[in-house]
Amino acid sequence: MDVDKLYLPLAAIIPLLLMFYILIRKQNSMMKSILMFLFVFTSIVGAFLLENLQASHVAQAVQSVKDWLDEPVPRAEKAPAPTEESEPKIIPIKKQVLLEAPTIWQMPELPRGCEVTSLAMLLIHQGVQVDKLTLASEVRKNPAEYRLNDGKIYFGDPNEGFVGNMYTYTEPGLGVYHKPIAELAEKYLPDKIKDLTGAEFQELKTHLSDGRPVWVIINTEYKKLDDSFFQTWYTPNGHVKVTTKEHSVLVTGYDENFIYFNDPLTVEKNKKAPIKDFAEAWVQMGRQAITYLP
């Protein structure tokens, strides 16, 4: 029953009861009997209406509970099972590694081309067929010209491109650092080049343990150099500390005592140097390293 529809009967009953009370005080016994009958009748009707109202409320409450119990319980969606792509690959560091990688001689065409020659070895190891001369022509160049003024050397920044002449020692030049090399490598292996520059030496071992050689900047002594071997250049980007002993090789392995690498200057395969000395020299040269991803 609609609750709003009960308001009219109730509104009619209450005034009747008041009228009954007023009239009964002034009437005789016959009239009182009639009025008494009306009172009883209206009381029964009112009680009936109220009872139906309460029953309606109870019925609605019961139905609401039943509806609530009948509602299906929502089930939480299970998270998708992790796939091999979403799970990071954990690479155990091996006690020793020695990879098979190509050796390429930078001479005689590229006296200062150790960086692009070592990059050629890295790319060929991944199956990219490219030669050192192509990379030499494609690597970004720094256009700054050599100038000596008041004992200060003004030249280019190797972080911005190859500085000087790569093809001869008769003209000023030096080399190139990791940024332009990584940029060039990305051309051949899009989204697959990992610039490890700034990492700990241990991370190089991680990639070597996964079967990937690592391009690095080192020096030709393969050990930490005295400060006297370095000079300051004044470049458009600010001061840069460089050494003419700067070199690049492809690291191919390690063991407890030695690091192994392919040297483009001597074309020696798996050449070795004490791992402690090599690591210190690598840190001194700015922790520069590049490899490719699986």
Protein backbone atom coordinates (compact mmCIF):
# COMPACT_ATOMS: atom_id res chain seq x y z
CA MET A 1 0.00 0.00 0.00
CA ASP A 2 1.20 3.47 -0.86
CA VAL A 3 1.91 5.50 2.30
CA ASP A 4 0.89 8.74 0.61
CA LYS A 5 -2.64 7.31 0.01
CA LEU A 6 -3.18 6.77 3.79
CA TYR A 7 -2.84 10.42 4.68
CA LEU A 8 -6.42 11.26 3.53
CA PRO A 9 -8.19 8.53 5.64
CA LEU A 10 -6.16 9.44 8.70
CA ALA A 11 -6.86 13.13 8.16
CA ALA A 12 -10.59 12.30 8.06
CA ILE A 13 -10.61 10.05 11.16
CA ILE A 14 -9.04 12.54 13.56
CA PRO A 15 -11.67 15.29 13.03
CA LEU A 16 -14.47 12.70 13.40
CA LEU A 17 -13.12 11.63 16.76
CA LEU A 18 -13.05 15.22 17.94
CA MET A 19 -16.63 15.80 16.76
CA PHE A 20 -17.71 12.62 18.50
CA TYR A 21 -16.28 13.81 21.78
CA ILE A 22 -18.00 17.17 21.56
CA LEU A 23 -21.40 15.76 20.54
CA ILE A 24 -21.55 12.92 23.03
CA ARG A 25 -21.43 15.31 25.96
CA LYS A 26 -24.66 17.03 24.88
CA GLN A 27 -26.82 14.12 23.58
CA ASN A 28 -29.35 11.71 25.14
CA SER A 29 -28.81 7.98 25.59
CA MET A 30 -30.12 6.99 22.11
CA MET A 31 -27.95 9.48 20.40
CA LYS A 32 -25.05 8.45 22.58
CA SER A 33 -25.50 4.85 21.45
CA ILE A 34 -25.44 5.89 17.80
CA LEU A 35 -22.42 8.04 18.35
CA MET A 36 -20.77 5.23 20.27
CA PHE A 37 -21.35 2.92 17.30
CA LEU A 38 -19.78 5.46 14.98
CA PHE A 39 -16.83 5.81 17.31
CA VAL A 40 -16.24 2.05 17.40
CA PHE A 41 -16.64 1.83 13.63
CA THR A 42 -14.19 4.63 12.91
CA SER A 43 -11.74 3.20 15.45
CA ILE A 44 -11.84 -0.19 13.72
CA VAL A 45 -11.35 1.43 10.33
CA GLY A 46 -8.45 3.52 11.63
CA ALA A 47 -6.82 0.52 13.26
CA PHE A 48 -7.22 -1.42 10.03
CA LEU A 49 -5.57 1.34 8.05
CA LEU A 50 -2.68 1.66 10.51
CA GLU A 51 -2.19 -2.08 10.57
CA ASN A 52 -2.00 -2.16 6.78
CA LEU A 53 0.49 0.71 6.87
CA GLN A 54 2.74 -1.17 9.29
CA ALA A 55 2.35 -4.39 7.36
CA SER A 56 3.28 -2.54 4.20
CA HIS A 57 6.45 -1.22 5.87
CA VAL A 58 7.35 -4.67 7.13
CA ALA A 59 6.69 -6.21 3.73
CA GLN A 60 8.84 -3.59 2.06
CA ALA A 61 11.64 -4.16 4.56
CA VAL A 62 11.48 -7.92 4.07
CA GLN A 63 11.50 -7.52 0.29
CA SER A 64 14.47 -5.15 0.49
CA VAL A 65 16.44 -7.71 2.52
CA LYS A 66 15.51 -10.47 0.05
CA ASP A 67 16.56 -8.31 -2.89
CA TRP A 68 19.86 -7.51 -1.18
CA LEU A 69 20.54 -11.19 -0.46
CA ASP A 70 19.70 -12.13 -4.03
CA GLU A 71 22.18 -9.65 -5.49
CA PRO A 72 25.25 -11.41 -6.93
CA VAL A 73 28.42 -10.83 -4.92
CA PRO A 74 30.87 -8.85 -7.07
CA ARG A 75 34.09 -10.75 -7.64
CA ALA A 76 37.42 -8.96 -7.60
CA GLU A 77 39.20 -9.20 -10.90
CA LYS A 78 42.41 -11.13 -10.72
CA ALA A 79 45.54 -9.29 -11.75
CA PRO A 80 46.93 -10.58 -15.02
CA ALA A 81 49.57 -13.19 -14.57
CA PRO A 82 53.04 -11.72 -15.08
CA THR A 83 54.52 -12.50 -18.44
CA GLU A 84 58.12 -12.94 -19.43
CA GLU A 85 58.07 -9.43 -20.93
CA SER A 86 56.84 -7.78 -17.71
CA GLU A 87 59.26 -9.60 -15.42
CA PRO A 88 62.72 -8.04 -15.24
CA LYS A 89 65.41 -10.45 -16.30
CA ILE A 90 67.85 -11.22 -13.51
CA ILE A 91 71.30 -11.88 -14.93
CA PRO A 92 73.66 -13.76 -12.61
CA ILE A 93 77.21 -12.44 -12.76
CA LYS A 94 79.56 -15.22 -13.77
CA LYS A 95 82.98 -15.77 -12.22
CA GLN A 96 84.60 -15.55 -15.63
CA VAL A 97 83.55 -14.70 -19.18
CA LEU A 98 85.34 -14.71 -22.52
CA LEU A 99 83.27 -13.84 -25.59
CA GLU A 100 83.99 -14.45 -29.24
CA ALA A 101 83.91 -11.07 -31.01
CA PRO A 102 85.45 -9.82 -34.26
CA THR A 103 88.71 -7.92 -34.34
CA ILE A 104 89.15 -4.97 -36.70
CA TRP A 105 92.30 -2.93 -37.22
CA GLN A 106 91.80 0.81 -37.29
CA MET A 107 94.98 1.36 -39.28
CA PRO A 108 96.02 2.53 -41.73
CA GLU A 109 92.90 4.46 -42.73
CA LEU A 110 91.85 5.70 -39.28
CA PRO A 111 94.81 6.62 -37.06
CA ARG A 112 92.41 8.34 -34.66
CA GLY A 113 89.44 6.12 -35.41
CA CYS A 114 89.58 3.73 -32.46
CA GLU A 115 86.07 4.70 -31.28
CA VAL A 116 84.25 3.95 -34.55
CA THR A 117 86.37 0.83 -35.12
CA SER A 118 85.45 -0.57 -31.70
CA LEU A 119 81.81 0.31 -32.45
CA ALA A 120 82.06 -1.67 -35.71
CA MET A 121 83.20 -4.71 -33.69
CA LEU A 122 80.25 -4.31 -31.31
CA LEU A 123 77.68 -3.98 -34.10
CA ILE A 124 79.09 -6.89 -36.12
CA HIS A 125 78.92 -9.06 -33.00
CA GLN A 126 75.16 -8.39 -32.99
CA GLY A 127 74.89 -9.26 -36.67
CA VAL A 128 74.94 -5.77 -38.19
CA GLN A 129 77.14 -5.72 -41.28
CA VAL A 130 78.90 -2.37 -41.26
CA ASP A 131 82.49 -1.25 -41.80
CA LYS A 132 84.67 1.20 -39.90
CA LEU A 133 84.93 3.69 -42.78
CA THR A 134 81.16 4.01 -43.06
CA LEU A 135 80.91 4.70 -39.35
CA ALA A 136 83.80 7.17 -39.58
CA SER A 137 81.94 9.17 -42.21
CA GLU A 138 78.63 9.04 -40.33
CA VAL A 139 79.71 9.87 -36.78
CA ARG A 140 78.82 13.40 -35.69
CA LYS A 141 81.71 15.86 -36.04
CA ASN A 142 82.60 18.85 -33.91
CA PRO A 143 83.40 21.75 -36.26
CA ALA A 144 85.54 23.69 -33.79
CA GLU A 145 89.03 24.51 -35.09
CA TYR A 146 92.23 24.18 -33.13
CA ARG A 147 93.64 27.44 -31.81
CA LEU A 148 96.47 28.17 -29.37
CA ASN A 149 96.31 31.55 -27.66
CA ASP A 150 98.38 32.71 -24.66
CA GLY A 151 99.29 29.14 -23.86
CA LYS A 152 95.64 28.02 -23.85
CA ILE A 153 94.23 25.45 -26.25
CA TYR A 154 90.89 26.30 -27.83
CA PHE A 155 89.29 23.30 -29.51
CA GLY A 156 86.10 21.24 -29.64
CA ASP A 157 84.25 19.15 -27.03
CA PRO A 158 84.44 15.39 -27.78
CA ASN A 159 81.07 14.98 -26.05
CA GLU A 160 79.52 16.90 -28.95
CA GLY A 161 81.23 15.12 -31.84
CA PHE A 162 84.57 13.94 -33.20
CA VAL A 163 87.21 16.59 -32.62
CA GLY A 164 89.81 17.25 -35.30
CA ASN A 165 91.00 15.02 -38.11
CA MET A 166 90.37 11.28 -37.78
CA TYR A 167 92.36 10.29 -40.86
CA THR A 168 95.84 11.69 -40.20
CA TYR A 169 98.22 12.66 -37.42
CA THR A 170 99.54 15.58 -39.43
CA GLU A 171 96.57 17.72 -38.40
CA PRO A 172 95.21 18.42 -34.90
CA GLY A 173 92.67 16.00 -33.52
CA LEU A 174 91.69 13.81 -30.61
CA GLY A 175 88.60 11.59 -30.78
CA VAL A 176 84.96 11.33 -29.70
CA TYR A 177 83.16 10.32 -26.50
CA HIS A 178 80.15 8.13 -25.77
CA LYS A 179 77.22 10.39 -26.72
CA PRO A 180 77.87 10.66 -30.49
CA ILE A 181 78.88 6.99 -30.59
CA ALA A 182 75.64 5.89 -28.88
CA GLU A 183 73.70 8.14 -31.26
CA LEU A 184 75.35 6.48 -34.26
CA ALA A 185 74.85 2.97 -32.87
CA GLU A 186 71.15 3.74 -32.38
CA LYS A 187 70.87 4.27 -36.13
CA TYR A 188 71.80 0.62 -36.71
CA LEU A 189 70.05 -0.88 -33.68
CA PRO A 190 67.03 1.35 -32.95
CA ASP A 191 65.87 1.17 -29.32
CA LYS A 192 68.48 -1.50 -28.64
CA ILE A 193 71.46 0.56 -27.53
CA LYS A 194 72.25 0.89 -23.83
CA ASP A 195 74.51 3.76 -22.77
CA LEU A 196 76.08 2.55 -19.53
CA THR A 197 78.07 5.73 -18.96
CA GLY A 198 78.25 6.60 -15.28
CA ALA A 199 77.50 3.05 -14.11
CA GLU A 200 79.58 0.96 -11.74
CA PHE A 201 82.19 -1.35 -13.27
CA GLN A 202 80.16 -4.29 -11.96
CA GLU A 203 77.39 -3.49 -14.43
CA LEU A 204 79.77 -4.12 -17.32
CA LYS A 205 80.21 -7.63 -15.94
CA THR A 206 76.42 -8.08 -15.93
CA HIS A 207 76.17 -7.48 -19.68
CA LEU A 208 79.26 -9.55 -20.41
CA SER A 209 77.71 -12.40 -18.39
CA ASP A 210 74.69 -12.17 -20.69
CA GLY A 211 76.88 -12.63 -23.76
CA ARG A 212 77.22 -9.01 -24.89
CA PRO A 213 80.59 -7.23 -25.30
CA VAL A 214 80.95 -3.64 -24.12
CA TRP A 215 82.41 -0.61 -25.94
CA VAL A 216 84.47 1.59 -23.57
CA ILE A 217 86.69 4.65 -23.45
CA ILE A 218 90.02 3.88 -21.80
CA ASN A 219 93.64 5.01 -22.30
CA THR A 220 96.50 3.36 -24.17
CA GLU A 221 98.23 2.43 -20.90
CA TYR A 222 95.18 0.57 -19.51
CA LYS A 223 95.85 1.99 -16.05
CA LYS A 224 95.22 5.22 -14.20
CA LEU A 225 97.31 8.08 -15.58
CA ASP A 226 99.15 10.76 -13.73
CA ASP A 227 97.55 14.21 -13.92
CA SER A 228 100.50 15.41 -16.04
CA PHE A 229 99.05 13.44 -18.99
CA PHE A 230 95.93 15.63 -19.02
CA GLN A 231 95.41 19.10 -20.44
CA THR A 232 92.53 21.54 -20.35
CA TRP A 233 90.82 22.62 -23.53
CA TYR A 234 88.64 25.69 -23.80
CA THR A 235 85.56 24.79 -25.83
CA PRO A 236 82.29 26.59 -26.67
CA ASN A 237 80.68 24.40 -23.96
CA GLY A 238 83.27 25.25 -21.30
CA HIS A 239 86.45 23.63 -20.03
CA VAL A 240 87.16 19.99 -20.93
CA LYS A 241 89.94 17.86 -19.46
CA VAL A 242 91.46 15.56 -22.10
CA THR A 243 94.47 13.35 -22.73
CA THR A 244 96.09 12.42 -26.03
CA LYS A 245 96.33 8.86 -24.67
CA GLU A 246 92.54 8.53 -24.94
CA HIS A 247 91.60 5.19 -26.51
CA SER A 248 88.61 2.94 -27.15
CA VAL A 249 88.40 -0.87 -27.07
CA LEU A 250 85.75 -3.60 -27.04
CA VAL A 251 85.64 -5.47 -23.73
CA THR A 252 85.08 -9.19 -24.31
CA GLY A 253 85.52 -10.80 -20.90
CA TYR A 254 87.01 -10.96 -17.44
CA ASP A 255 88.10 -13.32 -14.72
CA GLU A 256 89.27 -12.84 -11.16
CA ASN A 257 92.49 -11.07 -12.16
CA PHE A 258 92.17 -9.75 -15.71
CA ILE A 259 89.93 -7.92 -18.11
CA TYR A 260 89.94 -9.03 -21.76
CA PHE A 261 89.34 -6.83 -24.80
CA ASN A 262 89.79 -6.52 -28.55
CA ASP A 263 92.18 -3.67 -29.29
CA PRO A 264 91.70 -1.88 -32.65
CA LEU A 265 95.14 -0.27 -32.38
CA THR A 266 97.14 -3.51 -32.07
CA VAL A 267 94.41 -5.75 -33.59
CA GLU A 268 95.03 -8.14 -30.70
CA LYS A 269 92.12 -10.43 -29.84
CA ASN A 270 91.21 -10.87 -26.17
CA LYS A 271 94.14 -8.77 -25.04
CA LYS A 272 94.35 -8.69 -21.26
CA ALA A 273 95.15 -6.14 -18.57
CA PRO A 274 94.92 -6.31 -14.77
CA ILE A 275 91.26 -5.79 -13.94
CA LYS A 276 91.95 -3.40 -11.06
CA ASP A 277 94.16 -1.12 -13.21
CA PHE A 278 91.75 -1.22 -16.13
CA ALA A 279 88.77 -0.33 -13.94
CA GLU A 280 90.62 2.63 -12.39
CA ALA A 281 91.57 3.93 -15.84
CA TRP A 282 87.98 3.52 -17.04
CA VAL A 283 86.69 5.54 -14.07
CA GLN A 284 89.31 8.23 -14.71
CA MET A 285 88.09 8.55 -18.31
CA GLY A 286 84.51 9.19 -17.22
CA ARG A 287 83.02 5.69 -16.87
CA GLN A 288 82.03 5.69 -20.56
CA ALA A 289 80.53 2.46 -21.87
CA ILE A 290 77.96 1.28 -24.44
CA THR A 291 76.42 -2.08 -25.31
CA TYR A 292 73.30 -3.41 -26.99
CA LEU A 293 70.23 -4.95 -25.41
CA PRO A 294 68.94 -8.49 -26.08
